[in-house]
Amino acid sequence: MAQTLAVKSRSAKRQHQITMVAVYVLLIVIAFLMLIPFVWMLSASFKMNKDVFAFPIEWIPSNPRPRNYVDIWTKIPLLTFIANTAKLTIIVTLLQLFTSSFAAYAFAKLNFKGKKVLFLGYIATIAVPWQAYMVPQFMMMRSWGLNNTHLAIICLQAFSAFGVFLMKQFYEGVPTELCEAARIDGLSEYGIWWRIMLPLSKPALSTLTIFTFVSTWNDFLGPLIYLTKTELKTIQIGLRMFISQYSAEYGLIMAASVIALIPVLIVFLALQKYFVQGVASAGLKG
């Protein structure tokens, strides 16, 4: 009997090992496939325009052209575009962290009339595509005199229903007894949010930071609609300046795209240790 159990245990362990190896191999293959476009972009950034789409693909250029990384700064005002993008991204990210965490605390830990209806109505806006109301938004911003200003984009992106939902799910995992004890000690609701909830919500805040930073940095349609002056444009709009009526300088586009990707990688790598924890914590509640 004991021998039979031992054989079954070894068999189950072997099957588990085989399953794990298969899962890891599958994940490695998927990761490799997802990295191929980025490797191609990096390779193309060192090529002349005529060699970018050569087939078969020359992954390591035989005649690399690092000058592409010099020309991108002189062909277009790339530094200005990067500064504008960084300005908008940092401001929007900070505002979303503030507004989302502040509203989420009210929805998660305060009781007031109509809370559930208000929350469901706010979250329901996630299902409405931006294309459905971008024209009324543009007309509203123009009537306020905010057209062709960074303030228009900041105002439109300072609030996030997804951010409120994410933070609320995380806050609901924080014991209510902490808030009640703080109230007994005389701490106001603002103090509870600032001194207790925010320090405990680093994983959720880091997750929201990544989502907001990436979406704002890569935003194309918003700046395209609201910004027409060259000195106000972002890097995603600036990349179009490498495209003329009859041709496109793809080597320079890829070089500028590599530069544009670096800040996103830095933010993600800096916050990745909180990312999975934040998503898991927010997804297990409610």
Protein backbone atom coordinates (compact mmCIF):
# COMPACT_ATOMS: atom_id res chain seq x y z
CA MET A 1 0.00 0.00 0.00
CA ALA A 2 2.76 2.44 0.97
CA GLN A 3 4.70 1.53 -2.16
CA THR A 4 1.64 2.20 -4.33
CA LEU A 5 1.14 5.63 -2.69
CA ALA A 6 4.80 6.45 -3.23
CA VAL A 7 4.57 5.52 -6.92
CA LYS A 8 1.43 7.66 -7.33
CA SER A 9 3.14 10.56 -5.54
CA ARG A 10 6.18 10.36 -7.83
CA SER A 11 3.92 10.13 -10.87
CA ALA A 12 1.90 13.19 -9.77
CA LYS A 13 5.09 15.10 -9.07
CA ARG A 14 6.48 14.20 -12.51
CA GLN A 15 3.26 15.29 -14.20
CA HIS A 16 3.36 18.56 -12.28
CA GLN A 17 6.95 19.17 -13.39
CA ILE A 18 6.08 18.42 -17.01
CA THR A 19 3.12 20.80 -16.81
CA MET A 20 5.25 23.57 -15.34
CA VAL A 21 7.94 23.10 -18.00
CA ALA A 22 5.27 23.28 -20.73
CA VAL A 23 3.82 26.45 -19.18
CA TYR A 24 7.23 28.12 -18.98
CA VAL A 25 8.06 27.17 -22.55
CA LEU A 26 4.73 28.59 -23.72
CA LEU A 27 5.32 31.82 -21.79
CA ILE A 28 8.84 32.15 -23.22
CA VAL A 29 7.52 31.68 -26.76
CA ILE A 30 4.77 34.29 -26.19
CA ALA A 31 7.28 36.75 -24.69
CA PHE A 32 9.60 36.18 -27.65
CA LEU A 33 6.80 36.84 -30.14
CA MET A 34 5.82 40.03 -28.31
CA LEU A 35 9.41 41.29 -28.30
CA ILE A 36 9.92 40.80 -32.04
CA PRO A 37 8.34 44.17 -33.04
CA PHE A 38 10.52 46.03 -30.54
CA VAL A 39 13.66 44.26 -31.73
CA TRP A 40 12.72 45.10 -35.33
CA MET A 41 12.16 48.74 -34.34
CA LEU A 42 15.57 48.91 -32.68
CA SER A 43 17.21 47.29 -35.71
CA ALA A 44 15.42 49.61 -38.14
CA SER A 45 16.54 52.66 -36.17
CA PHE A 46 20.13 51.95 -37.29
CA LYS A 47 19.27 51.51 -40.98
CA MET A 48 18.99 53.79 -43.94
CA ASN A 49 15.47 54.43 -45.15
CA LYS A 50 15.81 52.12 -48.16
CA ASP A 51 16.92 49.18 -45.99
CA VAL A 52 14.18 49.32 -43.36
CA PHE A 53 11.71 47.09 -45.23
CA ALA A 54 14.28 44.91 -46.99
CA PHE A 55 13.42 41.21 -47.05
CA PRO A 56 14.67 38.96 -45.62
CA ILE A 57 15.02 41.10 -42.52
CA GLU A 58 18.58 42.01 -41.60
CA TRP A 59 18.27 41.99 -37.82
CA ILE A 60 21.85 43.19 -37.33
CA PRO A 61 22.55 45.88 -39.95
CA SER A 62 25.69 45.24 -41.96
CA ASN A 63 26.14 49.01 -42.37
CA PRO A 64 24.66 50.54 -39.23
CA ARG A 65 23.74 54.20 -39.33
CA PRO A 66 23.88 55.60 -35.78
CA ARG A 67 23.59 59.09 -37.28
CA ASN A 68 19.82 58.56 -37.24
CA TYR A 69 19.97 59.29 -33.51
CA VAL A 70 21.69 62.60 -34.27
CA ASP A 71 19.44 63.65 -37.14
CA ILE A 72 16.22 63.24 -35.17
CA TRP A 73 17.19 66.19 -32.97
CA THR A 74 17.86 68.50 -35.92
CA LYS A 75 15.14 67.45 -38.37
CA ILE A 76 12.35 68.28 -35.93
CA PRO A 77 12.27 70.06 -32.51
CA LEU A 78 12.27 66.68 -30.74
CA LEU A 79 13.47 68.08 -27.41
CA THR A 80 10.48 70.44 -27.32
CA PHE A 81 8.11 67.60 -28.09
CA ILE A 82 9.61 65.43 -25.36
CA ALA A 83 9.39 68.30 -22.85
CA ASN A 84 5.72 68.91 -23.74
CA THR A 85 4.93 65.20 -23.45
CA ALA A 86 6.73 64.92 -20.11
CA LYS A 87 4.92 68.00 -18.79
CA LEU A 88 1.48 66.70 -19.74
CA THR A 89 2.20 63.16 -18.57
CA ILE A 90 3.53 64.17 -15.15
CA ILE A 91 0.71 66.66 -14.46
CA VAL A 92 -2.05 64.29 -15.64
CA THR A 93 -0.59 61.36 -13.69
CA LEU A 94 -0.34 63.36 -10.45
CA LEU A 95 -3.87 64.72 -10.87
CA GLN A 96 -5.32 61.29 -11.56
CA LEU A 97 -3.57 59.83 -8.53
CA PHE A 98 -5.04 62.60 -6.39
CA THR A 99 -8.58 62.64 -7.76
CA SER A 100 -8.91 58.86 -8.08
CA SER A 101 -7.62 58.06 -4.60
CA PHE A 102 -9.65 60.87 -3.05
CA ALA A 103 -12.94 59.85 -4.69
CA ALA A 104 -12.26 56.15 -4.10
CA TYR A 105 -11.87 56.75 -0.37
CA ALA A 106 -15.31 58.35 -0.26
CA PHE A 107 -16.91 55.51 -2.20
CA ALA A 108 -15.14 52.81 -0.17
CA LYS A 109 -15.19 54.10 3.40
CA LEU A 110 -17.89 56.77 3.70
CA ASN A 111 -21.65 56.33 3.82
CA PHE A 112 -23.82 58.88 2.08
CA LYS A 113 -27.13 58.88 0.26
CA GLY A 114 -27.01 57.64 -3.32
CA LYS A 115 -23.43 56.34 -3.05
CA LYS A 116 -24.03 53.13 -5.01
CA VAL A 117 -26.04 54.82 -7.74
CA LEU A 118 -23.45 57.58 -8.12
CA PHE A 119 -20.60 55.07 -8.25
CA LEU A 120 -22.33 52.85 -10.82
CA GLY A 121 -23.16 55.89 -12.94
CA TYR A 122 -19.57 57.10 -12.83
CA ILE A 123 -18.09 53.70 -13.60
CA ALA A 124 -20.58 53.21 -16.45
CA THR A 125 -18.80 56.00 -18.33
CA ILE A 126 -15.96 53.54 -18.95
CA ALA A 127 -18.22 51.74 -21.42
CA VAL A 128 -18.76 54.90 -23.50
CA PRO A 129 -16.06 55.25 -26.18
CA TRP A 130 -14.30 58.60 -26.26
CA GLN A 131 -15.08 58.96 -29.97
CA ALA A 132 -18.76 59.25 -29.05
CA TYR A 133 -18.31 62.51 -27.15
CA MET A 134 -15.01 63.96 -28.38
CA VAL A 135 -16.79 66.47 -30.66
CA PRO A 136 -18.94 67.97 -27.84
CA GLN A 137 -15.82 68.04 -25.67
CA PHE A 138 -13.89 69.89 -28.33
CA MET A 139 -16.70 72.43 -28.75
CA MET A 140 -16.83 72.92 -24.98
CA MET A 141 -13.07 73.47 -24.71
CA ARG A 142 -13.16 75.87 -27.65
CA SER A 143 -15.98 77.86 -26.06
CA TRP A 144 -13.85 78.18 -22.92
CA GLY A 145 -10.91 79.45 -24.95
CA LEU A 146 -8.77 76.41 -24.14
CA ASN A 147 -8.29 75.25 -27.69
CA ASN A 148 -4.61 74.98 -28.62
CA THR A 149 -3.49 74.85 -25.00
CA HIS A 150 -2.10 72.11 -22.80
CA LEU A 151 -4.71 73.00 -20.20
CA ALA A 152 -7.45 71.49 -22.37
CA ILE A 153 -5.80 68.06 -22.32
CA ILE A 154 -5.01 68.36 -18.62
CA CYS A 155 -8.63 69.19 -17.75
CA LEU A 156 -10.01 66.34 -19.84
CA GLN A 157 -7.65 63.71 -18.45
CA ALA A 158 -7.41 64.79 -14.81
CA PHE A 159 -10.24 62.44 -13.80
CA SER A 160 -10.41 58.70 -14.42
CA ALA A 161 -13.35 56.39 -13.76
CA PHE A 162 -11.03 53.42 -14.12
CA GLY A 163 -8.67 54.93 -11.54
CA VAL A 164 -11.52 55.40 -9.06
CA PHE A 165 -12.63 51.81 -9.60
CA LEU A 166 -9.10 50.46 -9.14
CA MET A 167 -8.45 52.45 -5.96
CA LYS A 168 -11.88 51.67 -4.50
CA GLN A 169 -11.33 47.94 -4.93
CA PHE A 170 -8.03 48.24 -3.08
CA TYR A 171 -9.43 50.45 -0.30
CA GLU A 172 -12.17 47.95 0.40
CA GLY A 173 -9.45 45.49 1.40
CA VAL A 174 -8.23 47.86 4.12
CA PRO A 175 -9.91 47.05 7.48
CA THR A 176 -12.62 49.56 8.31
CA GLU A 177 -11.56 49.27 11.97
CA LEU A 178 -8.46 51.34 11.15
CA CYS A 179 -10.62 54.23 9.98
CA GLU A 180 -12.97 53.92 12.96
CA ALA A 181 -10.05 53.92 15.40
CA ALA A 182 -8.61 56.99 13.68
CA ARG A 183 -11.98 58.78 13.96
CA ILE A 184 -12.13 57.98 17.67
CA ASP A 185 -8.66 59.50 18.04
CA GLY A 186 -9.97 62.71 16.46
CA LEU A 187 -8.51 62.35 12.98
CA SER A 188 -10.59 63.94 10.22
CA GLU A 189 -11.57 62.14 7.03
CA TYR A 190 -8.91 64.09 5.17
CA GLY A 191 -6.35 63.01 7.74
CA ILE A 192 -7.43 59.36 7.49
CA TRP A 193 -7.08 59.48 3.71
CA TRP A 194 -3.67 61.17 3.87
CA ARG A 195 -2.08 59.40 6.85
CA ILE A 196 -3.59 55.92 6.65
CA MET A 197 -5.07 55.09 3.26
CA LEU A 198 -2.41 56.55 0.99
CA PRO A 199 0.59 54.94 2.76
CA LEU A 200 -1.19 51.56 2.62
CA SER A 201 -2.10 51.85 -1.06
CA LYS A 202 1.36 51.98 -2.66
CA PRO A 203 0.69 48.90 -4.86
CA ALA A 204 -2.57 50.35 -6.21
CA LEU A 205 -1.04 53.80 -6.67
CA SER A 206 1.92 52.29 -8.52
CA THR A 207 -0.40 50.32 -10.79
CA LEU A 208 -2.47 53.41 -11.55
CA THR A 209 0.74 55.38 -12.16
CA ILE A 210 1.87 52.88 -14.80
CA PHE A 211 -1.51 52.83 -16.57
CA THR A 212 -1.89 56.61 -16.54
CA PHE A 213 1.71 57.38 -17.49
CA VAL A 214 1.70 54.97 -20.44
CA SER A 215 -1.70 56.06 -21.77
CA THR A 216 -0.91 59.78 -21.49
CA TRP A 217 2.61 59.47 -22.90
CA ASN A 218 1.33 57.47 -25.89
CA ASP A 219 -1.81 59.55 -26.45
CA PHE A 220 -2.10 60.52 -30.09
CA LEU A 221 -5.68 61.52 -30.83
CA GLY A 222 -6.09 64.02 -28.00
CA PRO A 223 -3.05 66.17 -28.85
CA LEU A 224 -3.87 65.80 -32.56
CA ILE A 225 -7.28 67.39 -31.99
CA TYR A 226 -6.37 70.13 -29.53
CA LEU A 227 -2.78 71.10 -30.40
CA THR A 228 -1.90 72.64 -33.76
CA LYS A 229 1.02 74.90 -32.84
CA THR A 230 4.40 73.24 -33.28
CA GLU A 231 5.73 74.49 -29.95
CA LEU A 232 2.83 72.76 -28.14
CA LYS A 233 2.89 69.37 -29.84
CA THR A 234 3.78 66.10 -28.13
CA ILE A 235 6.23 63.50 -29.32
CA GLN A 236 3.55 61.24 -30.78
CA ILE A 237 2.35 64.06 -33.02
CA GLY A 238 5.91 65.15 -33.73
CA LEU A 239 6.75 61.77 -35.24
CA ARG A 240 4.37 62.60 -38.09
CA MET A 241 6.73 65.37 -39.13
CA PHE A 242 9.08 62.70 -40.51
CA ILE A 243 6.33 61.82 -42.99
CA SER A 244 6.05 64.06 -46.06
CA GLN A 245 3.48 64.01 -48.84
CA TYR A 246 5.38 61.51 -50.97
CA SER A 247 7.75 59.69 -48.62
CA ALA A 248 8.54 58.86 -45.02
CA GLU A 249 11.88 58.68 -43.23
CA TYR A 250 11.28 55.38 -41.46
CA GLY A 251 14.81 55.10 -40.07
CA LEU A 252 14.38 58.40 -38.25
CA ILE A 253 10.85 57.47 -37.15
CA MET A 254 12.16 54.27 -35.58
CA ALA A 255 15.04 56.09 -33.89
CA ALA A 256 12.66 58.65 -32.41
CA SER A 257 10.30 55.85 -31.37
CA VAL A 258 13.11 54.16 -29.47
CA ILE A 259 13.80 57.43 -27.65
CA ALA A 260 10.08 57.80 -26.87
CA LEU A 261 9.95 54.28 -25.44
CA ILE A 262 12.72 54.82 -22.88
CA PRO A 263 10.69 56.83 -20.28
CA VAL A 264 7.88 54.25 -20.38
CA LEU A 265 10.38 51.44 -19.74
CA ILE A 266 11.97 53.36 -16.87
CA VAL A 267 8.63 53.95 -15.14
CA PHE A 268 7.50 50.37 -15.62
CA LEU A 269 10.76 48.84 -14.40
CA ALA A 270 10.82 51.15 -11.39
CA LEU A 271 7.28 50.22 -10.33
CA GLN A 272 6.98 46.65 -11.57
CA LYS A 273 7.44 45.09 -8.12
CA TYR A 274 4.17 46.76 -7.05
CA PHE A 275 2.35 46.20 -10.34
CA VAL A 276 1.24 42.56 -9.96
CA GLN A 277 0.51 43.05 -6.27
CA GLY A 278 -1.67 46.07 -7.03
CA VAL A 279 -3.67 44.36 -9.77
CA ALA A 280 -4.16 41.24 -7.67
CA SER A 281 -5.19 43.19 -4.56
CA ALA A 282 -7.64 45.34 -6.48
CA GLY A 283 -9.10 42.39 -8.37
CA LEU A 284 -9.78 40.16 -5.35
CA LYS A 285 -12.12 42.57 -3.59
CA GLY A 286 -15.68 43.55 -4.27
